[in-house]
């Protein structure tokens, strides 16, 4: 079977594109790139020099993959036994130099997923079976372990490490050089080793367009979770006492209820 290359794709002479790879319109593939069998790359993508796109990778349109990135490599998991698995990437992501994204495993559903409009800066690692939403920023040299969930709009500061199975809620921010061992609830600012909840990510919420009233509701919820000395069950009960919550507060409550590793502690709690 011959390689399916649609018109206007530009492929450097030293690149290797496997016979069953499917390459979209207006795709540019740089020198020494390797694209393995079965890879699908959507329209208007740019694949920088020396990048490797492994079998099992499905990529949408408008993505930019910089020099030396490796996508879809075997998971760094001793339980992995060569089973078929993959990586699914949405549209308009910026994947910078030397980023690595491992494919999934049978034990984690088989697919590592990345949404749309994300920025992964130089040297970021995304572990096997992780599930990432959209509009996420992960700064330089962060290590995201396997089975991690990062929701839409979250920001991870540079040189941070995320323990396997942790979750970062939507519009949350993890400060630079943090070590995350528990879940960070939506809209919360956390930092430290281990990461502690410092407050609400007010700047991020303003930038996202959240209304002043909704921001105030989230600030009140933070005080209930972290400033009243309540356990998780008591805090959730208190948050539900005020009647039907708005969409953002409802999501925050649901996130906390479903936390298997427990949410990160607050600064006050850590001092006690």
C-alpha atoms as a PDB file:
ATOM      1  CA  UNK A   1       0.000   0.000   0.000  1.00  0.00           C
ATOM      2  CA  UNK A   2       1.402   3.403  -0.926  1.00  0.00           C
ATOM      3  CA  UNK A   3       1.589   6.368   1.430  1.00  0.00           C
ATOM      4  CA  UNK A   4      -1.540   8.532   1.244  1.00  0.00           C
ATOM      5  CA  UNK A   5      -0.160  12.050   0.763  1.00  0.00           C
ATOM      6  CA  UNK A   6      -2.704  14.675  -0.223  1.00  0.00           C
ATOM      7  CA  UNK A   7      -1.760  17.615  -2.476  1.00  0.00           C
ATOM      8  CA  UNK A   8       0.341  20.455  -1.107  1.00  0.00           C
ATOM      9  CA  UNK A   9       2.099  18.386   1.570  1.00  0.00           C
ATOM     10  CA  UNK A  10       5.800  19.292   1.772  1.00  0.00           C
ATOM     11  CA  UNK A  11       8.142  16.529   2.904  1.00  0.00           C
ATOM     12  CA  UNK A  12      11.893  17.027   3.345  1.00  0.00           C
ATOM     13  CA  UNK A  13      14.032  14.590   1.341  1.00  0.00           C
ATOM     14  CA  UNK A  14      15.597  13.146   4.502  1.00  0.00           C
ATOM     15  CA  UNK A  15      12.253  12.500   6.234  1.00  0.00           C
ATOM     16  CA  UNK A  16      10.790   8.998   6.388  1.00  0.00           C
ATOM     17  CA  UNK A  17       7.029   8.599   6.030  1.00  0.00           C
ATOM     18  CA  UNK A  18       5.819   5.005   6.330  1.00  0.00           C
ATOM     19  CA  UNK A  19       3.663   3.508   3.565  1.00  0.00           C
ATOM     20  CA  UNK A  20       0.398   3.440   5.529  1.00  0.00           C
ATOM     21  CA  UNK A  21       0.701   6.879   7.122  1.00  0.00           C
ATOM     22  CA  UNK A  22      -2.028   9.343   6.144  1.00  0.00           C
ATOM     23  CA  UNK A  23      -0.890  12.935   5.704  1.00  0.00           C
ATOM     24  CA  UNK A  24      -3.369  15.809   5.299  1.00  0.00           C
ATOM     25  CA  UNK A  25      -3.406  18.964   3.192  1.00  0.00           C
ATOM     26  CA  UNK A  26      -0.771  21.677   3.608  1.00  0.00           C
ATOM     27  CA  UNK A  27       1.342  19.615   5.994  1.00  0.00           C
ATOM     28  CA  UNK A  28       5.050  20.400   6.279  1.00  0.00           C
ATOM     29  CA  UNK A  29       7.387  17.629   7.426  1.00  0.00           C
ATOM     30  CA  UNK A  30      10.950  18.681   8.235  1.00  0.00           C
ATOM     31  CA  UNK A  31      14.333  17.012   7.842  1.00  0.00           C
ATOM     32  CA  UNK A  32      14.994  13.652   9.517  1.00  0.00           C
ATOM     33  CA  UNK A  33      11.413  13.287  10.733  1.00  0.00           C
ATOM     34  CA  UNK A  34      10.172   9.709  11.174  1.00  0.00           C
ATOM     35  CA  UNK A  35       6.456   8.972  10.795  1.00  0.00           C
ATOM     36  CA  UNK A  36       5.561   5.336  11.360  1.00  0.00           C
ATOM     37  CA  UNK A  37       2.875   3.116   9.833  1.00  0.00           C
ATOM     38  CA  UNK A  38      -0.737   3.944  10.610  1.00  0.00           C
ATOM     39  CA  UNK A  39      -0.102   7.486  11.820  1.00  0.00           C
ATOM     40  CA  UNK A  40      -2.762  10.020  10.826  1.00  0.00           C
ATOM     41  CA  UNK A  41      -1.826  13.714  10.613  1.00  0.00           C
ATOM     42  CA  UNK A  42      -4.556  16.240   9.845  1.00  0.00           C
ATOM     43  CA  UNK A  43      -4.436  19.292   7.602  1.00  0.00           C
ATOM     44  CA  UNK A  44      -2.183  22.310   8.142  1.00  0.00           C
ATOM     45  CA  UNK A  45       0.220  20.651  10.599  1.00  0.00           C
ATOM     46  CA  UNK A  46       3.927  21.445  10.841  1.00  0.00           C
ATOM     47  CA  UNK A  47       6.273  18.686  12.020  1.00  0.00           C
ATOM     48  CA  UNK A  48       9.708  20.067  12.904  1.00  0.00           C
ATOM     49  CA  UNK A  49      13.063  18.462  12.173  1.00  0.00           C
ATOM     50  CA  UNK A  50      14.152  15.292  13.996  1.00  0.00           C
ATOM     51  CA  UNK A  51      10.688  14.614  15.426  1.00  0.00           C
ATOM     52  CA  UNK A  52       9.343  11.064  15.655  1.00  0.00           C
ATOM     53  CA  UNK A  53       5.629  10.230  15.365  1.00  0.00           C
ATOM     54  CA  UNK A  54       5.113   6.595  16.346  1.00  0.00           C
ATOM     55  CA  UNK A  55       2.464   4.138  15.185  1.00  0.00           C
ATOM     56  CA  UNK A  56      -0.878   4.562  16.920  1.00  0.00           C
ATOM     57  CA  UNK A  57      -0.803   8.378  16.863  1.00  0.00           C
ATOM     58  CA  UNK A  58      -3.842  10.221  15.530  1.00  0.00           C
ATOM     59  CA  UNK A  59      -3.359  13.974  15.179  1.00  0.00           C
ATOM     60  CA  UNK A  60      -5.909  16.605  14.212  1.00  0.00           C
ATOM     61  CA  UNK A  61      -5.368  19.782  12.190  1.00  0.00           C
ATOM     62  CA  UNK A  62      -3.268  22.885  12.771  1.00  0.00           C
ATOM     63  CA  UNK A  63      -0.760  21.337  15.177  1.00  0.00           C
ATOM     64  CA  UNK A  64       2.873  22.482  15.391  1.00  0.00           C
ATOM     65  CA  UNK A  65       5.388  19.921  16.587  1.00  0.00           C
ATOM     66  CA  UNK A  66       8.856  21.367  17.205  1.00  0.00           C
ATOM     67  CA  UNK A  67      12.370  19.967  16.870  1.00  0.00           C
ATOM     68  CA  UNK A  68      13.051  16.603  18.441  1.00  0.00           C
ATOM     69  CA  UNK A  69       9.580  15.921  19.882  1.00  0.00           C
ATOM     70  CA  UNK A  70       8.615  12.254  20.249  1.00  0.00           C
ATOM     71  CA  UNK A  71       4.936  11.348  20.175  1.00  0.00           C
ATOM     72  CA  UNK A  72       3.454   7.904  20.755  1.00  0.00           C
ATOM     73  CA  UNK A  73       6.527   6.130  22.068  1.00  0.00           C
ATOM     74  CA  UNK A  74       6.170   2.995  24.215  1.00  0.00           C
ATOM     75  CA  UNK A  75       4.849   3.745  27.713  1.00  0.00           C
ATOM     76  CA  UNK A  76       7.330   3.779  30.571  1.00  0.00           C
ATOM     77  CA  UNK A  77       5.375   1.126  32.427  1.00  0.00           C
ATOM     78  CA  UNK A  78       6.714  -2.313  33.376  1.00  0.00           C
ATOM     79  CA  UNK A  79       3.204  -3.765  32.946  1.00  0.00           C
ATOM     80  CA  UNK A  80       3.164  -2.814  29.276  1.00  0.00           C
ATOM     81  CA  UNK A  81       3.493  -5.972  27.185  1.00  0.00           C
ATOM     82  CA  UNK A  82       3.414  -4.710  23.641  1.00  0.00           C
ATOM     83  CA  UNK A  83      -0.373  -4.443  23.388  1.00  0.00           C
ATOM     84  CA  UNK A  84      -1.849  -2.147  20.762  1.00  0.00           C
ATOM     85  CA  UNK A  85      -2.391   1.358  22.108  1.00  0.00           C
ATOM     86  CA  UNK A  86      -2.099   4.941  20.980  1.00  0.00           C
ATOM     87  CA  UNK A  87      -2.148   8.709  21.377  1.00  0.00           C
ATOM     88  CA  UNK A  88      -4.988  10.941  20.190  1.00  0.00           C
ATOM     89  CA  UNK A  89      -4.251  14.648  19.763  1.00  0.00           C
ATOM     90  CA  UNK A  90      -6.812  17.313  18.827  1.00  0.00           C
ATOM     91  CA  UNK A  91      -6.363  20.546  16.866  1.00  0.00           C
ATOM     92  CA  UNK A  92      -4.125  23.619  17.103  1.00  0.00           C
ATOM     93  CA  UNK A  93      -1.728  22.380  19.769  1.00  0.00           C
ATOM     94  CA  UNK A  94       1.790  23.747  20.106  1.00  0.00           C
ATOM     95  CA  UNK A  95       4.164  20.961  21.081  1.00  0.00           C
ATOM     96  CA  UNK A  96       7.590  22.456  21.591  1.00  0.00           C
ATOM     97  CA  UNK A  97      11.124  21.079  21.433  1.00  0.00           C
ATOM     98  CA  UNK A  98      11.831  17.630  22.937  1.00  0.00           C
ATOM     99  CA  UNK A  99       8.309  17.103  24.288  1.00  0.00           C
ATOM    100  CA  UNK A 100       7.499  13.411  24.781  1.00  0.00           C
ATOM    101  CA  UNK A 101       3.985  11.943  24.852  1.00  0.00           C
ATOM    102  CA  UNK A 102       3.707   8.226  25.645  1.00  0.00           C
ATOM    103  CA  UNK A 103       0.963   6.046  24.256  1.00  0.00           C
ATOM    104  CA  UNK A 104      -1.537   4.282  26.504  1.00  0.00           C
ATOM    105  CA  UNK A 105      -1.628   0.843  28.110  1.00  0.00           C
ATOM    106  CA  UNK A 106      -4.291  -1.837  28.462  1.00  0.00           C
ATOM    107  CA  UNK A 107      -4.545  -1.019  32.158  1.00  0.00           C
ATOM    108  CA  UNK A 108      -5.398   2.618  31.473  1.00  0.00           C
ATOM    109  CA  UNK A 109      -7.828   2.359  28.597  1.00  0.00           C
ATOM    110  CA  UNK A 110      -5.215   2.148  25.860  1.00  0.00           C
ATOM    111  CA  UNK A 111      -5.163   5.788  24.770  1.00  0.00           C
ATOM    112  CA  UNK A 112      -3.355   8.921  25.947  1.00  0.00           C
ATOM    113  CA  UNK A 113      -5.561  11.876  24.975  1.00  0.00           C
ATOM    114  CA  UNK A 114      -4.767  15.546  24.364  1.00  0.00           C
ATOM    115  CA  UNK A 115      -7.469  18.086  23.480  1.00  0.00           C
ATOM    116  CA  UNK A 116      -7.221  21.337  21.533  1.00  0.00           C
ATOM    117  CA  UNK A 117      -5.276  24.608  21.721  1.00  0.00           C
ATOM    118  CA  UNK A 118      -2.754  23.452  24.310  1.00  0.00           C
ATOM    119  CA  UNK A 119       0.820  24.667  24.763  1.00  0.00           C
ATOM    120  CA  UNK A 120       3.434  22.186  25.973  1.00  0.00           C
ATOM    121  CA  UNK A 121       6.745  23.984  26.395  1.00  0.00           C
ATOM    122  CA  UNK A 122      10.236  22.575  25.927  1.00  0.00           C
ATOM    123  CA  UNK A 123      11.013  19.254  27.590  1.00  0.00           C
ATOM    124  CA  UNK A 124       7.515  18.434  28.880  1.00  0.00           C
ATOM    125  CA  UNK A 125       6.719  14.739  29.357  1.00  0.00           C
ATOM    126  CA  UNK A 126       3.126  13.451  29.193  1.00  0.00           C
ATOM    127  CA  UNK A 127       2.900   9.951  30.660  1.00  0.00           C
ATOM    128  CA  UNK A 128       0.895   6.988  29.401  1.00  0.00           C
ATOM    129  CA  UNK A 129      -2.907   6.994  29.697  1.00  0.00           C
ATOM    130  CA  UNK A 130      -3.043  10.633  30.786  1.00  0.00           C
ATOM    131  CA  UNK A 131      -6.146  12.565  29.770  1.00  0.00           C
ATOM    132  CA  UNK A 132      -5.664  16.253  28.992  1.00  0.00           C
ATOM    133  CA  UNK A 133      -8.358  18.740  28.035  1.00  0.00           C
ATOM    134  CA  UNK A 134      -8.025  21.963  26.060  1.00  0.00           C
ATOM    135  CA  UNK A 135      -6.428  25.409  26.519  1.00  0.00           C
ATOM    136  CA  UNK A 136      -3.863  23.964  28.956  1.00  0.00           C
ATOM    137  CA  UNK A 137      -0.391  25.433  29.420  1.00  0.00           C
ATOM    138  CA  UNK A 138       2.389  23.198  30.740  1.00  0.00           C
ATOM    139  CA  UNK A 139       5.667  25.071  31.161  1.00  0.00           C
ATOM    140  CA  UNK A 140       9.235  23.898  30.576  1.00  0.00           C
ATOM    141  CA  UNK A 141      10.543  20.560  31.887  1.00  0.00           C
ATOM    142  CA  UNK A 142       7.389  19.405  33.660  1.00  0.00           C
ATOM    143  CA  UNK A 143       6.914  15.673  34.233  1.00  0.00           C
ATOM    144  CA  UNK A 144       3.328  14.451  34.035  1.00  0.00           C
ATOM    145  CA  UNK A 145       3.178  10.825  35.187  1.00  0.00           C
ATOM    146  CA  UNK A 146       0.842   8.119  33.915  1.00  0.00           C
ATOM    147  CA  UNK A 147      -2.949   8.232  34.358  1.00  0.00           C
ATOM    148  CA  UNK A 148      -2.960  11.959  35.222  1.00  0.00           C
ATOM    149  CA  UNK A 149      -6.046  14.047  34.368  1.00  0.00           C
ATOM    150  CA  UNK A 150      -5.675  17.761  33.588  1.00  0.00           C
ATOM    151  CA  UNK A 151      -8.883  19.652  32.884  1.00  0.00           C
ATOM    152  CA  UNK A 152      -9.491  22.584  30.541  1.00  0.00           C
ATOM    153  CA  UNK A 153      -7.651  25.834  31.109  1.00  0.00           C
ATOM    154  CA  UNK A 154      -5.236  24.574  33.772  1.00  0.00           C
ATOM    155  CA  UNK A 155      -1.693  25.982  34.006  1.00  0.00           C
ATOM    156  CA  UNK A 156       1.283  23.960  35.277  1.00  0.00           C
ATOM    157  CA  UNK A 157       4.388  25.968  36.220  1.00  0.00           C
ATOM    158  CA  UNK A 158       7.837  24.966  35.020  1.00  0.00           C
ATOM    159  CA  UNK A 159       9.881  22.129  36.561  1.00  0.00           C
ATOM    160  CA  UNK A 160       6.823  20.688  38.310  1.00  0.00           C
ATOM    161  CA  UNK A 161       6.128  16.990  38.814  1.00  0.00           C
ATOM    162  CA  UNK A 162       2.673  15.381  38.857  1.00  0.00           C
ATOM    163  CA  UNK A 163       2.337  12.009  40.604  1.00  0.00           C
ATOM    164  CA  UNK A 164       0.487   9.248  38.766  1.00  0.00           C
ATOM    165  CA  UNK A 165      -3.327   9.264  39.053  1.00  0.00           C
ATOM    166  CA  UNK A 166      -3.450  12.878  40.267  1.00  0.00           C
ATOM    167  CA  UNK A 167      -5.947  15.352  38.787  1.00  0.00           C
ATOM    168  CA  UNK A 168      -5.756  19.078  38.161  1.00  0.00           C
ATOM    169  CA  UNK A 169      -9.139  20.797  37.872  1.00  0.00           C
ATOM    170  CA  UNK A 170     -10.222  23.309  35.262  1.00  0.00           C
ATOM    171  CA  UNK A 171      -8.740  26.817  35.501  1.00  0.00           C
ATOM    172  CA  UNK A 172      -6.451  25.676  38.334  1.00  0.00           C
ATOM    173  CA  UNK A 173      -2.834  26.770  38.493  1.00  0.00           C
ATOM    174  CA  UNK A 174       0.121  24.817  39.865  1.00  0.00           C
ATOM    175  CA  UNK A 175       3.090  27.043  40.686  1.00  0.00           C
ATOM    176  CA  UNK A 176       6.588  26.453  39.359  1.00  0.00           C
ATOM    177  CA  UNK A 177       8.782  23.729  40.874  1.00  0.00           C
ATOM    178  CA  UNK A 178       5.855  22.103  42.650  1.00  0.00           C
ATOM    179  CA  UNK A 179       5.393  18.420  43.426  1.00  0.00           C
ATOM    180  CA  UNK A 180       1.788  17.286  43.174  1.00  0.00           C
ATOM    181  CA  UNK A 181       0.743  14.210  45.160  1.00  0.00           C
ATOM    182  CA  UNK A 182      -2.973  15.016  45.596  1.00  0.00           C
ATOM    183  CA  UNK A 183      -5.663  16.499  43.390  1.00  0.00           C
ATOM    184  CA  UNK A 184      -5.846  20.262  42.842  1.00  0.00           C
ATOM    185  CA  UNK A 185      -9.518  21.336  42.755  1.00  0.00           C
ATOM    186  CA  UNK A 186     -10.826  23.514  39.929  1.00  0.00           C
ATOM    187  CA  UNK A 187     -10.055  27.253  40.117  1.00  0.00           C
ATOM    188  CA  UNK A 188      -7.457  26.785  42.900  1.00  0.00           C
ATOM    189  CA  UNK A 189      -3.873  28.085  42.997  1.00  0.00           C
ATOM    190  CA  UNK A 190      -1.487  25.535  44.511  1.00  0.00           C
ATOM    191  CA  UNK A 191       2.287  25.380  44.901  1.00  0.00           C
ATOM    192  CA  UNK A 192       5.040  23.785  46.950  1.00  0.00           C
ATOM    193  CA  UNK A 193       6.599  20.404  47.740  1.00  0.00           C
ATOM    194  CA  UNK A 194       4.121  18.883  48.191  1.00  0.00           C
ATOM    195  CA  UNK A 195       1.735  21.351  46.573  1.00  0.00           C
ATOM    196  CA  UNK A 196      -0.583  23.186  48.984  1.00  0.00           C
ATOM    197  CA  UNK A 197      -3.677  25.205  48.135  1.00  0.00           C
ATOM    198  CA  UNK A 198      -2.800  28.904  48.480  1.00  0.00           C
ATOM    199  CA  UNK A 199      -5.997  30.526  47.267  1.00  0.00           C
ATOM    200  CA  UNK A 200      -8.224  30.995  44.240  1.00  0.00           C
ATOM    201  CA  UNK A 201      -6.689  31.535  40.795  1.00  0.00           C
ATOM    202  CA  UNK A 202      -8.362  34.943  40.495  1.00  0.00           C
ATOM    203  CA  UNK A 203      -6.201  36.208  37.622  1.00  0.00           C
ATOM    204  CA  UNK A 204      -6.919  33.085  35.598  1.00  0.00           C
ATOM    205  CA  UNK A 205     -10.646  33.305  36.306  1.00  0.00           C
ATOM    206  CA  UNK A 206     -10.776  36.937  35.188  1.00  0.00           C
ATOM    207  CA  UNK A 207      -8.933  36.074  31.990  1.00  0.00           C
ATOM    208  CA  UNK A 208     -11.345  33.224  31.326  1.00  0.00           C
ATOM    209  CA  UNK A 209     -14.292  35.633  31.445  1.00  0.00           C
ATOM    210  CA  UNK A 210     -15.883  34.286  34.635  1.00  0.00           C
ATOM    211  CA  UNK A 211     -18.299  36.830  36.060  1.00  0.00           C
ATOM    212  CA  UNK A 212     -17.605  38.675  39.306  1.00  0.00           C
ATOM    213  CA  UNK A 213     -20.530  36.906  40.957  1.00  0.00           C
ATOM    214  CA  UNK A 214     -19.243  33.468  40.019  1.00  0.00           C
ATOM    215  CA  UNK A 215     -15.737  34.392  41.193  1.00  0.00           C
ATOM    216  CA  UNK A 216     -17.156  35.424  44.537  1.00  0.00           C
ATOM    217  CA  UNK A 217     -18.998  32.100  44.804  1.00  0.00           C
ATOM    218  CA  UNK A 218     -15.743  30.215  44.148  1.00  0.00           C
ATOM    219  CA  UNK A 219     -13.899  32.300  46.767  1.00  0.00           C
ATOM    220  CA  UNK A 220     -16.571  31.465  49.331  1.00  0.00           C
ATOM    221  CA  UNK A 221     -16.289  27.784  48.425  1.00  0.00           C
ATOM    222  CA  UNK A 222     -12.510  27.939  48.910  1.00  0.00           C
ATOM    223  CA  UNK A 223     -12.996  29.298  52.414  1.00  0.00           C
ATOM    224  CA  UNK A 224     -15.361  26.440  53.222  1.00  0.00           C
ATOM    225  CA  UNK A 225     -12.923  23.847  51.890  1.00  0.00           C
ATOM    226  CA  UNK A 226      -9.759  25.290  53.414  1.00  0.00           C
ATOM    227  CA  UNK A 227     -10.436  27.819  56.143  1.00  0.00           C
ATOM    228  CA  UNK A 228     -13.148  26.370  58.394  1.00  0.00           C
ATOM    229  CA  UNK A 229     -11.449  23.241  59.692  1.00  0.00           C
ATOM    230  CA  UNK A 230     -14.040  20.950  58.085  1.00  0.00           C
ATOM    231  CA  UNK A 231     -13.372  17.498  56.701  1.00  0.00           C
ATOM    232  CA  UNK A 232     -14.278  16.810  53.088  1.00  0.00           C
ATOM    233  CA  UNK A 233     -17.771  15.470  53.814  1.00  0.00           C
ATOM    234  CA  UNK A 234     -18.615  18.380  56.090  1.00  0.00           C
ATOM    235  CA  UNK A 235     -17.318  20.914  53.573  1.00  0.00           C
ATOM    236  CA  UNK A 236     -19.388  19.422  50.750  1.00  0.00           C
ATOM    237  CA  UNK A 237     -22.481  19.411  52.958  1.00  0.00           C
ATOM    238  CA  UNK A 238     -21.905  23.074  53.790  1.00  0.00           C
ATOM    239  CA  UNK A 239     -21.445  23.957  50.108  1.00  0.00           C
ATOM    240  CA  UNK A 240     -24.694  22.230  49.196  1.00  0.00           C
ATOM    241  CA  UNK A 241     -26.626  23.961  51.979  1.00  0.00           C
ATOM    242  CA  UNK A 242     -26.845  27.194  50.007  1.00  0.00           C
ATOM    243  CA  UNK A 243     -29.301  25.812  47.451  1.00  0.00           C
ATOM    244  CA  UNK A 244     -28.667  24.902  43.810  1.00  0.00           C
ATOM    245  CA  UNK A 245     -25.059  25.836  42.956  1.00  0.00           C
ATOM    246  CA  UNK A 246     -24.016  27.539  39.732  1.00  0.00           C
ATOM    247  CA  UNK A 247     -22.270  25.540  37.017  1.00  0.00           C
ATOM    248  CA  UNK A 248     -18.753  26.365  38.230  1.00  0.00           C
ATOM    249  CA  UNK A 249     -19.483  25.601  41.881  1.00  0.00           C
ATOM    250  CA  UNK A 250     -21.324  22.402  40.919  1.00  0.00           C
ATOM    251  CA  UNK A 251     -18.250  21.257  38.999  1.00  0.00           C
ATOM    252  CA  UNK A 252     -15.986  22.089  41.947  1.00  0.00           C
ATOM    253  CA  UNK A 253     -18.204  20.095  44.345  1.00  0.00           C
ATOM    254  CA  UNK A 254     -18.352  17.116  41.992  1.00  0.00           C
ATOM    255  CA  UNK A 255     -14.563  17.170  41.528  1.00  0.00           C
ATOM    256  CA  UNK A 256     -13.984  17.125  45.297  1.00  0.00           C
ATOM    257  CA  UNK A 257     -16.567  14.372  45.805  1.00  0.00           C
ATOM    258  CA  UNK A 258     -14.894  12.146  43.208  1.00  0.00           C
ATOM    259  CA  UNK A 259     -11.319  12.697  44.363  1.00  0.00           C
ATOM    260  CA  UNK A 260      -9.728   9.306  45.010  1.00  0.00           C
ATOM    261  CA  UNK A 261      -6.329  10.585  46.118  1.00  0.00           C
ATOM    262  CA  UNK A 262      -7.851  13.416  48.156  1.00  0.00           C
ATOM    263  CA  UNK A 263      -7.507  17.110  47.410  1.00  0.00           C
ATOM    264  CA  UNK A 264      -4.312  18.957  48.241  1.00  0.00           C
ATOM    265  CA  UNK A 265      -4.158  20.390  51.735  1.00  0.00           C
ATOM    266  CA  UNK A 266      -4.207  24.096  52.469  1.00  0.00           C
ATOM    267  CA  UNK A 267      -1.369  26.170  53.868  1.00  0.00           C
ATOM    268  CA  UNK A 268      -3.096  26.554  57.250  1.00  0.00           C
ATOM    269  CA  UNK A 269      -3.673  22.817  57.512  1.00  0.00           C
ATOM    270  CA  UNK A 270      -0.016  22.119  56.759  1.00  0.00           C
ATOM    271  CA  UNK A 271       1.072  24.411  59.603  1.00  0.00           C
ATOM    272  CA  UNK A 272      -1.089  22.683  62.194  1.00  0.00           C
END
